[in-house]
Amino acid sequence: MREYHWRNQKQEFLGTRSGELLFETAHLKTFRVSHFAELRVGFYFKDLDEYGLYGFFAGEPGEYFDSYYRTDSTFQEEGRLLHDDD
């Protein structure tokens, strides 16, 4: 997310469409993911061949919630982040 926030300050990702590539580095690809309540960003980690999903929700004033998920290439699945998690 640090890389996303740094690039967002320079590029302004607001207004990009769902599924659109936001940026790509040697190690990851980052996509806009639409959601009815959260700001979402999808990640493809090239070296791991894994997909991740970040969600941000602003509730009552001063309440902010971050969510992290393991997902698939469609960014629709919300799975556990750690595979050994019980």
Protein backbone atom coordinates (compact mmCIF):
# COMPACT_ATOMS: atom_id res chain seq x y z
CA MET A 1 0.00 0.00 0.00
CA ARG A 2 2.95 2.31 0.56
CA GLU A 3 3.82 2.10 -3.15
CA TYR A 4 0.15 2.74 -4.10
CA HIS A 5 -0.13 5.82 -1.85
CA TRP A 6 3.17 7.22 -3.09
CA ARG A 7 2.14 6.84 -6.75
CA ASN A 8 -1.40 8.08 -6.09
CA GLN A 9 0.01 11.41 -4.87
CA LYS A 10 1.69 11.90 -8.24
CA GLN A 11 -0.81 10.26 -10.63
CA GLU A 12 -4.28 10.68 -9.05
CA PHE A 13 -5.99 7.32 -9.56
CA LEU A 14 -9.43 8.77 -8.84
CA GLY A 15 -11.69 8.30 -11.84
CA THR A 16 -10.08 5.10 -13.12
CA ARG A 17 -12.45 2.31 -14.09
CA SER A 18 -12.76 -1.06 -12.39
CA GLY A 19 -10.24 -3.53 -13.74
CA GLU A 20 -8.02 -0.78 -15.11
CA LEU A 21 -4.28 -1.15 -14.53
CA LEU A 22 -3.12 1.63 -12.20
CA PHE A 23 0.60 0.89 -12.36
CA GLU A 24 3.08 -1.92 -12.80
CA THR A 25 6.51 -2.53 -11.32
CA ALA A 26 8.97 -5.37 -11.72
CA HIS A 27 7.26 -7.20 -8.85
CA LEU A 28 3.56 -6.31 -8.97
CA LYS A 29 0.59 -5.05 -10.95
CA THR A 30 -2.06 -2.86 -9.32
CA PHE A 31 -5.69 -2.53 -10.43
CA ARG A 32 -8.78 -0.52 -9.49
CA VAL A 33 -11.54 -2.80 -8.16
CA SER A 34 -15.11 -1.53 -7.83
CA HIS A 35 -17.09 -2.12 -4.65
CA PHE A 36 -20.35 -0.67 -3.36
CA ALA A 37 -18.94 0.59 -0.05
CA GLU A 38 -15.15 0.48 -0.07
CA LEU A 39 -12.30 1.91 -2.04
CA ARG A 40 -10.59 -1.25 -3.33
CA VAL A 41 -7.26 -1.98 -4.95
CA GLY A 42 -6.26 -5.34 -6.41
CA PHE A 43 -2.68 -6.54 -6.55
CA TYR A 44 -0.97 -9.24 -8.57
CA PHE A 45 2.34 -10.29 -7.02
CA LYS A 46 4.42 -11.58 -9.92
CA ASP A 47 7.09 -13.43 -7.97
CA LEU A 48 4.49 -15.31 -5.88
CA ASP A 49 1.90 -15.70 -8.66
CA GLU A 50 -0.70 -14.60 -6.07
CA TYR A 51 -3.49 -12.03 -5.98
CA GLY A 52 -4.34 -9.73 -3.08
CA LEU A 53 -7.11 -7.26 -2.38
CA TYR A 54 -7.08 -4.15 -0.20
CA GLY A 55 -10.23 -2.38 0.96
CA PHE A 56 -10.67 0.94 2.76
CA PHE A 57 -13.91 2.05 4.42
CA ALA A 58 -14.59 5.35 6.20
CA GLY A 59 -17.37 4.99 8.78
CA GLU A 60 -18.41 7.54 11.37
CA PRO A 61 -16.12 10.57 11.64
CA GLY A 62 -12.73 9.31 12.78
CA GLU A 63 -13.50 5.64 12.06
CA TYR A 64 -11.45 4.04 9.30
CA PHE A 65 -11.24 0.36 8.43
CA ASP A 66 -8.61 -1.41 6.33
CA SER A 67 -9.19 -4.91 4.96
CA TYR A 68 -6.74 -7.28 3.33
CA TYR A 69 -7.77 -10.43 1.44
CA ARG A 70 -6.28 -13.19 -0.64
CA THR A 71 -8.22 -13.30 -3.90
CA ASP A 72 -8.23 -14.65 -7.45
CA SER A 73 -7.60 -13.01 -10.82
CA THR A 74 -11.17 -11.61 -10.88
CA PHE A 75 -10.67 -9.82 -7.53
CA GLN A 76 -14.16 -10.98 -6.49
CA GLU A 77 -13.18 -13.69 -4.01
CA GLU A 78 -12.43 -12.61 -0.43
CA GLY A 79 -10.34 -15.34 1.11
CA ARG A 80 -8.13 -15.60 4.13
CA LEU A 81 -4.86 -13.78 3.82
CA LEU A 82 -2.81 -16.54 5.45
CA HIS A 83 -3.29 -20.11 4.24
CA ASP A 84 -2.45 -21.62 7.67
CA ASP A 85 -4.91 -19.34 9.47
CA ASP A 86 -7.53 -21.23 11.52
